[in-house]
mmCIF file of all heavy atoms, coordinates in Angstrom:
data_MODEL
# 
_entry.id   MODEL 
# 
loop_
_atom_site.group_PDB 
_atom_site.id 
_atom_site.type_symbol 
_atom_site.label_atom_id 
_atom_site.label_alt_id 
_atom_site.label_comp_id 
_atom_site.label_asym_id 
_atom_site.label_entity_id 
_atom_site.label_seq_id 
_atom_site.pdbx_PDB_ins_code 
_atom_site.Cartn_x 
_atom_site.Cartn_y 
_atom_site.Cartn_z 
_atom_site.occupancy 
_atom_site.B_iso_or_equiv 
_atom_site.pdbx_formal_charge 
_atom_site.auth_seq_id 
_atom_site.auth_comp_id 
_atom_site.auth_asym_id 
_atom_site.auth_atom_id 
_atom_site.pdbx_PDB_model_num 
ATOM 1   N N   . LEU A 1 1  ? 46.069 -98.838  -21.925 1.00 0.00 ? 1  LEU A N   1 
ATOM 2   C CA  . LEU A 1 1  ? 44.940 -97.984  -21.561 1.00 0.00 ? 1  LEU A CA  1 
ATOM 3   C C   . LEU A 1 1  ? 45.101 -96.585  -22.157 1.00 0.00 ? 1  LEU A C   1 
ATOM 4   O O   . LEU A 1 1  ? 44.134 -95.997  -22.662 1.00 0.00 ? 1  LEU A O   1 
ATOM 5   C CB  . LEU A 1 1  ? 44.815 -97.905  -20.034 1.00 0.00 ? 1  LEU A CB  1 
ATOM 6   C CG  . LEU A 1 1  ? 43.623 -97.109  -19.487 1.00 0.00 ? 1  LEU A CG  1 
ATOM 7   C CD1 . LEU A 1 1  ? 42.307 -97.703  -19.958 1.00 0.00 ? 1  LEU A CD1 1 
ATOM 8   C CD2 . LEU A 1 1  ? 43.667 -97.067  -17.954 1.00 0.00 ? 1  LEU A CD2 1 
ATOM 9   N N   . ILE A 1 2  ? 46.313 -96.052  -22.112 1.00 0.00 ? 2  ILE A N   1 
ATOM 10  C CA  . ILE A 1 2  ? 46.558 -94.728  -22.695 1.00 0.00 ? 2  ILE A CA  1 
ATOM 11  C C   . ILE A 1 2  ? 46.319 -94.762  -24.203 1.00 0.00 ? 2  ILE A C   1 
ATOM 12  O O   . ILE A 1 2  ? 45.716 -93.832  -24.771 1.00 0.00 ? 2  ILE A O   1 
ATOM 13  C CB  . ILE A 1 2  ? 47.996 -94.260  -22.375 1.00 0.00 ? 2  ILE A CB  1 
ATOM 14  C CG1 . ILE A 1 2  ? 48.143 -94.017  -20.870 1.00 0.00 ? 2  ILE A CG1 1 
ATOM 15  C CG2 . ILE A 1 2  ? 48.339 -93.007  -23.163 1.00 0.00 ? 2  ILE A CG2 1 
ATOM 16  C CD1 . ILE A 1 2  ? 49.556 -93.668  -20.451 1.00 0.00 ? 2  ILE A CD1 1 
ATOM 17  N N   . ARG A 1 3  ? 46.768 -95.838  -24.854 1.00 0.00 ? 3  ARG A N   1 
ATOM 18  C CA  . ARG A 1 3  ? 46.566 -95.951  -26.300 1.00 0.00 ? 3  ARG A CA  1 
ATOM 19  C C   . ARG A 1 3  ? 45.070 -95.980  -26.637 1.00 0.00 ? 3  ARG A C   1 
ATOM 20  O O   . ARG A 1 3  ? 44.609 -95.330  -27.591 1.00 0.00 ? 3  ARG A O   1 
ATOM 21  C CB  . ARG A 1 3  ? 47.239 -97.210  -26.820 1.00 0.00 ? 3  ARG A CB  1 
ATOM 22  C CG  . ARG A 1 3  ? 47.140 -97.386  -28.321 1.00 0.00 ? 3  ARG A CG  1 
ATOM 23  C CD  . ARG A 1 3  ? 47.806 -98.677  -28.766 1.00 0.00 ? 3  ARG A CD  1 
ATOM 24  N NE  . ARG A 1 3  ? 49.236 -98.685  -28.456 1.00 0.00 ? 3  ARG A NE  1 
ATOM 25  C CZ  . ARG A 1 3  ? 50.040 -99.715  -28.707 1.00 0.00 ? 3  ARG A CZ  1 
ATOM 26  N NH1 . ARG A 1 3  ? 49.546 -100.814 -29.248 1.00 0.00 ? 3  ARG A NH1 1 
ATOM 27  N NH2 . ARG A 1 3  ? 51.317 -99.654  -28.400 1.00 0.00 ? 3  ARG A NH2 1 
ATOM 28  N N   . ILE A 1 4  ? 44.296 -96.712  -25.847 1.00 0.00 ? 4  ILE A N   1 
ATOM 29  C CA  . ILE A 1 4  ? 42.849 -96.779  -26.078 1.00 0.00 ? 4  ILE A CA  1 
ATOM 30  C C   . ILE A 1 4  ? 42.218 -95.400  -25.940 1.00 0.00 ? 4  ILE A C   1 
ATOM 31  O O   . ILE A 1 4  ? 41.383 -94.985  -26.758 1.00 0.00 ? 4  ILE A O   1 
ATOM 32  C CB  . ILE A 1 4  ? 42.200 -97.777  -25.100 1.00 0.00 ? 4  ILE A CB  1 
ATOM 33  C CG1 . ILE A 1 4  ? 42.612 -99.205  -25.455 1.00 0.00 ? 4  ILE A CG1 1 
ATOM 34  C CG2 . ILE A 1 4  ? 40.685 -97.645  -25.119 1.00 0.00 ? 4  ILE A CG2 1 
ATOM 35  C CD1 . ILE A 1 4  ? 42.152 -100.236 -24.448 1.00 0.00 ? 4  ILE A CD1 1 
ATOM 36  N N   . GLN A 1 5  ? 42.623 -94.661  -24.912 1.00 0.00 ? 5  GLN A N   1 
ATOM 37  C CA  . GLN A 1 5  ? 42.024 -93.340  -24.677 1.00 0.00 ? 5  GLN A CA  1 
ATOM 38  C C   . GLN A 1 5  ? 42.421 -92.334  -25.758 1.00 0.00 ? 5  GLN A C   1 
ATOM 39  O O   . GLN A 1 5  ? 41.616 -91.485  -26.145 1.00 0.00 ? 5  GLN A O   1 
ATOM 40  C CB  . GLN A 1 5  ? 42.436 -92.810  -23.299 1.00 0.00 ? 5  GLN A CB  1 
ATOM 41  C CG  . GLN A 1 5  ? 41.883 -93.622  -22.147 1.00 0.00 ? 5  GLN A CG  1 
ATOM 42  C CD  . GLN A 1 5  ? 40.378 -93.766  -22.234 1.00 0.00 ? 5  GLN A CD  1 
ATOM 43  O OE1 . GLN A 1 5  ? 39.652 -92.805  -22.475 1.00 0.00 ? 5  GLN A OE1 1 
ATOM 44  N NE2 . GLN A 1 5  ? 39.897 -94.987  -22.032 1.00 0.00 ? 5  GLN A NE2 1 
ATOM 45  N N   . VAL A 1 6  ? 43.646 -92.431  -26.265 1.00 0.00 ? 6  VAL A N   1 
ATOM 46  C CA  . VAL A 1 6  ? 44.060 -91.548  -27.359 1.00 0.00 ? 6  VAL A CA  1 
ATOM 47  C C   . VAL A 1 6  ? 43.243 -91.845  -28.616 1.00 0.00 ? 6  VAL A C   1 
ATOM 48  O O   . VAL A 1 6  ? 42.784 -90.928  -29.321 1.00 0.00 ? 6  VAL A O   1 
ATOM 49  C CB  . VAL A 1 6  ? 45.569 -91.701  -27.636 1.00 0.00 ? 6  VAL A CB  1 
ATOM 50  C CG1 . VAL A 1 6  ? 45.951 -90.964  -28.908 1.00 0.00 ? 6  VAL A CG1 1 
ATOM 51  C CG2 . VAL A 1 6  ? 46.377 -91.164  -26.463 1.00 0.00 ? 6  VAL A CG2 1 
ATOM 52  N N   . VAL A 1 7  ? 43.045 -93.137  -28.891 1.00 0.00 ? 7  VAL A N   1 
ATOM 53  C CA  . VAL A 1 7  ? 42.235 -93.519  -30.048 1.00 0.00 ? 7  VAL A CA  1 
ATOM 54  C C   . VAL A 1 7  ? 40.816 -92.988  -29.907 1.00 0.00 ? 7  VAL A C   1 
ATOM 55  O O   . VAL A 1 7  ? 40.241 -92.436  -30.855 1.00 0.00 ? 7  VAL A O   1 
ATOM 56  C CB  . VAL A 1 7  ? 42.235 -95.056  -30.199 1.00 0.00 ? 7  VAL A CB  1 
ATOM 57  C CG1 . VAL A 1 7  ? 41.158 -95.495  -31.181 1.00 0.00 ? 7  VAL A CG1 1 
ATOM 58  C CG2 . VAL A 1 7  ? 43.599 -95.530  -30.667 1.00 0.00 ? 7  VAL A CG2 1 
ATOM 59  N N   . LEU A 1 8  ? 40.218 -93.127  -28.721 1.00 0.00 ? 8  LEU A N   1 
ATOM 60  C CA  . LEU A 1 8  ? 38.854 -92.633  -28.505 1.00 0.00 ? 8  LEU A CA  1 
ATOM 61  C C   . LEU A 1 8  ? 38.790 -91.116  -28.595 1.00 0.00 ? 8  LEU A C   1 
ATOM 62  O O   . LEU A 1 8  ? 37.843 -90.551  -29.162 1.00 0.00 ? 8  LEU A O   1 
ATOM 63  C CB  . LEU A 1 8  ? 38.346 -93.104  -27.142 1.00 0.00 ? 8  LEU A CB  1 
ATOM 64  C CG  . LEU A 1 8  ? 37.895 -94.557  -27.039 1.00 0.00 ? 8  LEU A CG  1 
ATOM 65  C CD1 . LEU A 1 8  ? 37.486 -94.886  -25.610 1.00 0.00 ? 8  LEU A CD1 1 
ATOM 66  C CD2 . LEU A 1 8  ? 36.737 -94.820  -27.985 1.00 0.00 ? 8  LEU A CD2 1 
ATOM 67  N N   . MET A 1 9  ? 39.781 -90.420  -28.034 1.00 0.00 ? 9  MET A N   1 
ATOM 68  C CA  . MET A 1 9  ? 39.745 -88.963  -28.016 1.00 0.00 ? 9  MET A CA  1 
ATOM 69  C C   . MET A 1 9  ? 39.756 -88.394  -29.431 1.00 0.00 ? 9  MET A C   1 
ATOM 70  O O   . MET A 1 9  ? 38.993 -87.479  -29.754 1.00 0.00 ? 9  MET A O   1 
ATOM 71  C CB  . MET A 1 9  ? 40.923 -88.403  -27.211 1.00 0.00 ? 9  MET A CB  1 
ATOM 72  C CG  . MET A 1 9  ? 40.894 -86.882  -27.037 1.00 0.00 ? 9  MET A CG  1 
ATOM 73  S SD  . MET A 1 9  ? 42.199 -86.289  -25.941 1.00 0.00 ? 9  MET A SD  1 
ATOM 74  C CE  . MET A 1 9  ? 43.653 -86.699  -26.911 1.00 0.00 ? 9  MET A CE  1 
ATOM 75  N N   . LEU A 1 10 ? 40.598 -88.947  -30.287 1.00 0.00 ? 10 LEU A N   1 
ATOM 76  C CA  . LEU A 1 10 ? 40.666 -88.458  -31.664 1.00 0.00 ? 10 LEU A CA  1 
ATOM 77  C C   . LEU A 1 10 ? 39.513 -88.994  -32.518 1.00 0.00 ? 10 LEU A C   1 
ATOM 78  O O   . LEU A 1 10 ? 38.919 -88.259  -33.312 1.00 0.00 ? 10 LEU A O   1 
ATOM 79  C CB  . LEU A 1 10 ? 42.000 -88.847  -32.291 1.00 0.00 ? 10 LEU A CB  1 
ATOM 80  C CG  . LEU A 1 10 ? 43.225 -88.056  -31.837 1.00 0.00 ? 10 LEU A CG  1 
ATOM 81  C CD1 . LEU A 1 10 ? 44.477 -88.609  -32.484 1.00 0.00 ? 10 LEU A CD1 1 
ATOM 82  C CD2 . LEU A 1 10 ? 43.071 -86.582  -32.167 1.00 0.00 ? 10 LEU A CD2 1 
ATOM 83  N N   . GLY A 1 11 ? 39.198 -90.272  -32.354 1.00 0.00 ? 11 GLY A N   1 
ATOM 84  C CA  . GLY A 1 11 ? 38.169 -90.872  -33.195 1.00 0.00 ? 11 GLY A CA  1 
ATOM 85  C C   . GLY A 1 11 ? 36.780 -90.337  -32.931 1.00 0.00 ? 11 GLY A C   1 
ATOM 86  O O   . GLY A 1 11 ? 35.949 -90.250  -33.842 1.00 0.00 ? 11 GLY A O   1 
ATOM 87  N N   . MET A 1 12 ? 36.506 -89.960  -31.672 1.00 0.00 ? 12 MET A N   1 
ATOM 88  C CA  . MET A 1 12 ? 35.177 -89.456  -31.331 1.00 0.00 ? 12 MET A CA  1 
ATOM 89  C C   . MET A 1 12 ? 35.074 -87.947  -31.513 1.00 0.00 ? 12 MET A C   1 
ATOM 90  O O   . MET A 1 12 ? 34.012 -87.365  -31.264 1.00 0.00 ? 12 MET A O   1 
ATOM 91  C CB  . MET A 1 12 ? 34.850 -89.809  -29.879 1.00 0.00 ? 12 MET A CB  1 
ATOM 92  C CG  . MET A 1 12 ? 34.860 -91.299  -29.588 1.00 0.00 ? 12 MET A CG  1 
ATOM 93  S SD  . MET A 1 12 ? 33.613 -92.201  -30.512 1.00 0.00 ? 12 MET A SD  1 
ATOM 94  C CE  . MET A 1 12 ? 32.142 -91.663  -29.675 1.00 0.00 ? 12 MET A CE  1 
ATOM 95  N N   . LEU A 1 13 ? 36.158 -87.301  -31.944 1.00 0.00 ? 13 LEU A N   1 
ATOM 96  C CA  . LEU A 1 13 ? 36.161 -85.846  -32.076 1.00 0.00 ? 13 LEU A CA  1 
ATOM 97  C C   . LEU A 1 13 ? 35.062 -85.327  -33.011 1.00 0.00 ? 13 LEU A C   1 
ATOM 98  O O   . LEU A 1 13 ? 34.318 -84.402  -32.634 1.00 0.00 ? 13 LEU A O   1 
ATOM 99  C CB  . LEU A 1 13 ? 37.536 -85.372  -32.548 1.00 0.00 ? 13 LEU A CB  1 
ATOM 100 C CG  . LEU A 1 13 ? 37.709 -83.869  -32.767 1.00 0.00 ? 13 LEU A CG  1 
ATOM 101 C CD1 . LEU A 1 13 ? 37.532 -83.127  -31.451 1.00 0.00 ? 13 LEU A CD1 1 
ATOM 102 C CD2 . LEU A 1 13 ? 39.070 -83.559  -33.357 1.00 0.00 ? 13 LEU A CD2 1 
ATOM 103 N N   . PRO A 1 14 ? 34.888 -85.854  -34.228 1.00 0.00 ? 14 PRO A N   1 
ATOM 104 C CA  . PRO A 1 14 ? 33.822 -85.327  -35.093 1.00 0.00 ? 14 PRO A CA  1 
ATOM 105 C C   . PRO A 1 14 ? 32.431 -85.464  -34.476 1.00 0.00 ? 14 PRO A C   1 
ATOM 106 O O   . PRO A 1 14 ? 31.602 -84.549  -34.576 1.00 0.00 ? 14 PRO A O   1 
ATOM 107 C CB  . PRO A 1 14 ? 33.957 -86.165  -36.369 1.00 0.00 ? 14 PRO A CB  1 
ATOM 108 C CG  . PRO A 1 14 ? 35.356 -86.664  -36.366 1.00 0.00 ? 14 PRO A CG  1 
ATOM 109 C CD  . PRO A 1 14 ? 35.684 -86.882  -34.923 1.00 0.00 ? 14 PRO A CD  1 
ATOM 110 N N   . LEU A 1 15 ? 32.180 -86.603  -33.821 1.00 0.00 ? 15 LEU A N   1 
ATOM 111 C CA  . LEU A 1 15 ? 30.860 -86.828  -33.228 1.00 0.00 ? 15 LEU A CA  1 
ATOM 112 C C   . LEU A 1 15 ? 30.625 -85.905  -32.036 1.00 0.00 ? 15 LEU A C   1 
ATOM 113 O O   . LEU A 1 15 ? 29.533 -85.364  -31.850 1.00 0.00 ? 15 LEU A O   1 
ATOM 114 C CB  . LEU A 1 15 ? 30.735 -88.290  -32.810 1.00 0.00 ? 15 LEU A CB  1 
ATOM 115 C CG  . LEU A 1 15 ? 29.317 -88.831  -32.615 1.00 0.00 ? 15 LEU A CG  1 
ATOM 116 C CD1 . LEU A 1 15 ? 28.499 -88.672  -33.878 1.00 0.00 ? 15 LEU A CD1 1 
ATOM 117 C CD2 . LEU A 1 15 ? 29.377 -90.290  -32.190 1.00 0.00 ? 15 LEU A CD2 1 
ATOM 118 N N   . GLN A 1 16 ? 31.628 -85.718  -31.208 1.00 0.00 ? 16 GLN A N   1 
ATOM 119 C CA  . GLN A 1 16 ? 31.485 -84.844  -30.045 1.00 0.00 ? 16 GLN A CA  1 
ATOM 120 C C   . GLN A 1 16 ? 31.251 -83.395  -30.459 1.00 0.00 ? 16 GLN A C   1 
ATOM 121 O O   . GLN A 1 16 ? 30.424 -82.692  -29.869 1.00 0.00 ? 16 GLN A O   1 
ATOM 122 C CB  . GLN A 1 16 ? 32.727 -84.946  -29.164 1.00 0.00 ? 16 GLN A CB  1 
ATOM 123 C CG  . GLN A 1 16 ? 32.822 -86.254  -28.399 1.00 0.00 ? 16 GLN A CG  1 
ATOM 124 C CD  . GLN A 1 16 ? 34.063 -86.316  -27.535 1.00 0.00 ? 16 GLN A CD  1 
ATOM 125 O OE1 . GLN A 1 16 ? 35.017 -85.564  -27.738 1.00 0.00 ? 16 GLN A OE1 1 
ATOM 126 N NE2 . GLN A 1 16 ? 34.077 -87.226  -26.566 1.00 0.00 ? 16 GLN A NE2 1 
ATOM 127 N N   . LEU A 1 17 ? 31.986 -82.946  -31.474 1.00 0.00 ? 17 LEU A N   1 
ATOM 128 C CA  . LEU A 1 17 ? 31.781 -81.572  -31.931 1.00 0.00 ? 17 LEU A CA  1 
ATOM 129 C C   . LEU A 1 17 ? 30.393 -81.399  -32.539 1.00 0.00 ? 17 LEU A C   1 
ATOM 130 O O   . LEU A 1 17 ? 29.752 -80.362  -32.363 1.00 0.00 ? 17 LEU A O   1 
ATOM 131 C CB  . LEU A 1 17 ? 32.857 -81.192  -32.948 1.00 0.00 ? 17 LEU A CB  1 
ATOM 132 C CG  . LEU A 1 17 ? 34.268 -80.985  -32.396 1.00 0.00 ? 17 LEU A CG  1 
ATOM 133 C CD1 . LEU A 1 17 ? 35.227 -80.645  -33.522 1.00 0.00 ? 17 LEU A CD1 1 
ATOM 134 C CD2 . LEU A 1 17 ? 34.283 -79.879  -31.352 1.00 0.00 ? 17 LEU A CD2 1 
ATOM 135 N N   . GLY A 1 18 ? 29.935 -82.397  -33.273 1.00 0.00 ? 18 GLY A N   1 
ATOM 136 C CA  . GLY A 1 18 ? 28.619 -82.306  -33.879 1.00 0.00 ? 18 GLY A CA  1 
ATOM 137 C C   . GLY A 1 18 ? 27.500 -82.277  -32.864 1.00 0.00 ? 18 GLY A C   1 
ATOM 138 O O   . GLY A 1 18 ? 26.519 -81.541  -33.030 1.00 0.00 ? 18 GLY A O   1 
ATOM 139 N N   . TRP A 1 19 ? 27.627 -83.053  -31.789 1.00 0.00 ? 19 TRP A N   1 
ATOM 140 C CA  . TRP A 1 19 ? 26.565 -83.121  -30.791 1.00 0.00 ? 19 TRP A CA  1 
ATOM 141 C C   . TRP A 1 19 ? 26.665 -82.022  -29.752 1.00 0.00 ? 19 TRP A C   1 
ATOM 142 O O   . TRP A 1 19 ? 25.653 -81.418  -29.363 1.00 0.00 ? 19 TRP A O   1 
ATOM 143 C CB  . TRP A 1 19 ? 26.611 -84.477  -30.071 1.00 0.00 ? 19 TRP A CB  1 
ATOM 144 C CG  . TRP A 1 19 ? 25.848 -85.546  -30.762 1.00 0.00 ? 19 TRP A CG  1 
ATOM 145 C CD1 . TRP A 1 19 ? 26.359 -86.538  -31.553 1.00 0.00 ? 19 TRP A CD1 1 
ATOM 146 C CD2 . TRP A 1 19 ? 24.434 -85.762  -30.767 1.00 0.00 ? 19 TRP A CD2 1 
ATOM 147 N NE1 . TRP A 1 19 ? 25.359 -87.349  -32.034 1.00 0.00 ? 19 TRP A NE1 1 
ATOM 148 C CE2 . TRP A 1 19 ? 24.163 -86.896  -31.556 1.00 0.00 ? 19 TRP A CE2 1 
ATOM 149 C CE3 . TRP A 1 19 ? 23.362 -85.096  -30.161 1.00 0.00 ? 19 TRP A CE3 1 
ATOM 150 C CZ2 . TRP A 1 19 ? 22.874 -87.377  -31.756 1.00 0.00 ? 19 TRP A CZ2 1 
ATOM 151 C CZ3 . TRP A 1 19 ? 22.076 -85.584  -30.369 1.00 0.00 ? 19 TRP A CZ3 1 
ATOM 152 C CH2 . TRP A 1 19 ? 21.847 -86.702  -31.154 1.00 0.00 ? 19 TRP A CH2 1 
ATOM 153 N N   . PHE A 1 20 ? 27.865 -81.760  -29.244 1.00 0.00 ? 20 PHE A N   1 
ATOM 154 C CA  . PHE A 1 20 ? 28.012 -80.909  -28.064 1.00 0.00 ? 20 PHE A CA  1 
ATOM 155 C C   . PHE A 1 20 ? 28.752 -79.597  -28.317 1.00 0.00 ? 20 PHE A C   1 
ATOM 156 O O   . PHE A 1 20 ? 28.802 -78.747  -27.432 1.00 0.00 ? 20 PHE A O   1 
ATOM 157 C CB  . PHE A 1 20 ? 28.742 -81.672  -26.953 1.00 0.00 ? 20 PHE A CB  1 
ATOM 158 C CG  . PHE A 1 20 ? 28.150 -83.023  -26.658 1.00 0.00 ? 20 PHE A CG  1 
ATOM 159 C CD1 . PHE A 1 20 ? 28.853 -84.181  -26.943 1.00 0.00 ? 20 PHE A CD1 1 
ATOM 160 C CD2 . PHE A 1 20 ? 26.885 -83.132  -26.118 1.00 0.00 ? 20 PHE A CD2 1 
ATOM 161 C CE1 . PHE A 1 20 ? 28.307 -85.429  -26.680 1.00 0.00 ? 20 PHE A CE1 1 
ATOM 162 C CE2 . PHE A 1 20 ? 26.327 -84.366  -25.845 1.00 0.00 ? 20 PHE A CE2 1 
ATOM 163 C CZ  . PHE A 1 20 ? 27.050 -85.524  -26.130 1.00 0.00 ? 20 PHE A CZ  1 
ATOM 164 N N   . GLN A 1 21 ? 29.378 -79.432  -29.495 1.00 0.00 ? 21 GLN A N   1 
ATOM 165 C CA  . GLN A 1 21 ? 30.165 -78.249  -29.788 1.00 0.00 ? 21 GLN A CA  1 
ATOM 166 C C   . GLN A 1 21 ? 31.215 -77.982  -28.709 1.00 0.00 ? 21 GLN A C   1 
ATOM 167 O O   . GLN A 1 21 ? 31.482 -76.849  -28.336 1.00 0.00 ? 21 GLN A O   1 
ATOM 168 C CB  . GLN A 1 21 ? 29.282 -76.993  -29.945 1.00 0.00 ? 21 GLN A CB  1 
ATOM 169 C CG  . GLN A 1 21 ? 28.410 -76.994  -31.182 1.00 0.00 ? 21 GLN A CG  1 
ATOM 170 C CD  . GLN A 1 21 ? 27.129 -77.746  -30.962 1.00 0.00 ? 21 GLN A CD  1 
ATOM 171 O OE1 . GLN A 1 21 ? 26.476 -77.556  -29.934 1.00 0.00 ? 21 GLN A OE1 1 
ATOM 172 N NE2 . GLN A 1 21 ? 26.733 -78.571  -31.898 1.00 0.00 ? 21 GLN A NE2 1 
ATOM 173 N N   . GLN A 1 22 ? 31.802 -79.057  -28.190 1.00 0.00 ? 22 GLN A N   1 
ATOM 174 C CA  . GLN A 1 22 ? 32.816 -78.937  -27.155 1.00 0.00 ? 22 GLN A CA  1 
ATOM 175 C C   . GLN A 1 22 ? 33.965 -79.902  -27.427 1.00 0.00 ? 22 GLN A C   1 
ATOM 176 O O   . GLN A 1 22 ? 33.769 -80.972  -28.008 1.00 0.00 ? 22 GLN A O   1 
ATOM 177 C CB  . GLN A 1 22 ? 32.237 -79.234  -25.769 1.00 0.00 ? 22 GLN A CB  1 
ATOM 178 C CG  . GLN A 1 22 ? 31.417 -78.103  -25.173 1.00 0.00 ? 22 GLN A CG  1 
ATOM 179 C CD  . GLN A 1 22 ? 31.047 -78.383  -23.735 1.00 0.00 ? 22 GLN A CD  1 
ATOM 180 O OE1 . GLN A 1 22 ? 31.153 -79.503  -23.246 1.00 0.00 ? 22 GLN A OE1 1 
ATOM 181 N NE2 . GLN A 1 22 ? 30.597 -77.362  -23.032 1.00 0.00 ? 22 GLN A NE2 1 
ATOM 182 N N   . LEU A 1 23 ? 35.139 -79.502  -26.975 1.00 0.00 ? 23 LEU A N   1 
ATOM 183 C CA  . LEU A 1 23 ? 36.333 -80.329  -27.074 1.00 0.00 ? 23 LEU A CA  1 
ATOM 184 C C   . LEU A 1 23 ? 37.054 -80.263  -25.742 1.00 0.00 ? 23 LEU A C   1 
ATOM 185 O O   . LEU A 1 23 ? 37.339 -79.177  -25.241 1.00 0.00 ? 23 LEU A O   1 
ATOM 186 C CB  . LEU A 1 23 ? 37.241 -79.832  -28.212 1.00 0.00 ? 23 LEU A CB  1 
ATOM 187 C CG  . LEU A 1 23 ? 38.627 -80.466  -28.311 1.00 0.00 ? 23 LEU A CG  1 
ATOM 188 C CD1 . LEU A 1 23 ? 38.502 -81.945  -28.635 1.00 0.00 ? 23 LEU A CD1 1 
ATOM 189 C CD2 . LEU A 1 23 ? 39.466 -79.759  -29.361 1.00 0.00 ? 23 LEU A CD2 1 
ATOM 190 N N   . SER A 1 24 ? 37.315 -81.403  -25.145 1.00 0.00 ? 24 SER A N   1 
ATOM 191 C CA  . SER A 1 24 ? 37.973 -81.445  -23.840 1.00 0.00 ? 24 SER A CA  1 
ATOM 192 C C   . SER A 1 24 ? 39.375 -82.005  -23.978 1.00 0.00 ? 24 SER A C   1 
ATOM 193 O O   . SER A 1 24 ? 39.584 -83.066  -24.594 1.00 0.00 ? 24 SER A O   1 
ATOM 194 C CB  . SER A 1 24 ? 37.172 -82.304  -22.853 1.00 0.00 ? 24 SER A CB  1 
ATOM 195 O OG  . SER A 1 24 ? 37.860 -82.391  -21.615 1.00 0.00 ? 24 SER A OG  1 
ATOM 196 N N   . LEU A 1 25 ? 40.342 -81.310  -23.396 1.00 0.00 ? 25 LEU A N   1 
ATOM 197 C CA  . LEU A 1 25 ? 41.734 -81.761  -23.405 1.00 0.00 ? 25 LEU A CA  1 
ATOM 198 C C   . LEU A 1 25 ? 42.097 -82.505  -22.123 1.00 0.00 ? 25 LEU A C   1 
ATOM 199 O O   . LEU A 1 25 ? 43.239 -82.953  -21.986 1.00 0.00 ? 25 LEU A O   1 
ATOM 200 C CB  . LEU A 1 25 ? 42.666 -80.565  -23.597 1.00 0.00 ? 25 LEU A CB  1 
ATOM 201 C CG  . LEU A 1 25 ? 42.511 -79.808  -24.920 1.00 0.00 ? 25 LEU A CG  1 
ATOM 202 C CD1 . LEU A 1 25 ? 43.541 -78.677  -25.016 1.00 0.00 ? 25 LEU A CD1 1 
ATOM 203 C CD2 . LEU A 1 25 ? 42.652 -80.746  -26.120 1.00 0.00 ? 25 LEU A CD2 1 
ATOM 204 N N   . VAL A 1 26 ? 41.141 -82.619  -21.191 1.00 0.00 ? 26 VAL A N   1 
ATOM 205 C CA  . VAL A 1 26 ? 41.417 -83.350  -19.953 1.00 0.00 ? 26 VAL A CA  1 
ATOM 206 C C   . VAL A 1 26 ? 40.694 -84.691  -19.935 1.00 0.00 ? 26 VAL A C   1 
ATOM 207 O O   . VAL A 1 26 ? 40.679 -85.369  -18.910 1.00 0.00 ? 26 VAL A O   1 
ATOM 208 C CB  . VAL A 1 26 ? 41.006 -82.517  -18.717 1.00 0.00 ? 26 VAL A CB  1 
ATOM 209 C CG1 . VAL A 1 26 ? 41.764 -81.208  -18.681 1.00 0.00 ? 26 VAL A CG1 1 
ATOM 210 C CG2 . VAL A 1 26 ? 39.502 -82.275  -18.699 1.00 0.00 ? 26 VAL A CG2 1 
ATOM 211 N N   . SER A 1 27 ? 40.078 -85.059  -21.054 1.00 0.00 ? 27 SER A N   1 
ATOM 212 C CA  . SER A 1 27 ? 39.378 -86.345  -21.080 1.00 0.00 ? 27 SER A CA  1 
ATOM 213 C C   . SER A 1 27 ? 40.333 -87.510  -20.885 1.00 0.00 ? 27 SER A C   1 
ATOM 214 O O   . SER A 1 27 ? 39.980 -88.523  -20.262 1.00 0.00 ? 27 SER A O   1 
ATOM 215 C CB  . SER A 1 27 ? 38.619 -86.497  -22.401 1.00 0.00 ? 27 SER A CB  1 
ATOM 216 O OG  . SER A 1 27 ? 39.507 -86.452  -23.511 1.00 0.00 ? 27 SER A OG  1 
# 
């Protein structure tokens, strides 16, 4: 589960910044 969340956190970073201009370290 941790591995999946790390993959999502990094992989979705460009899309999240483009849409929301935010980065969360507690996700």
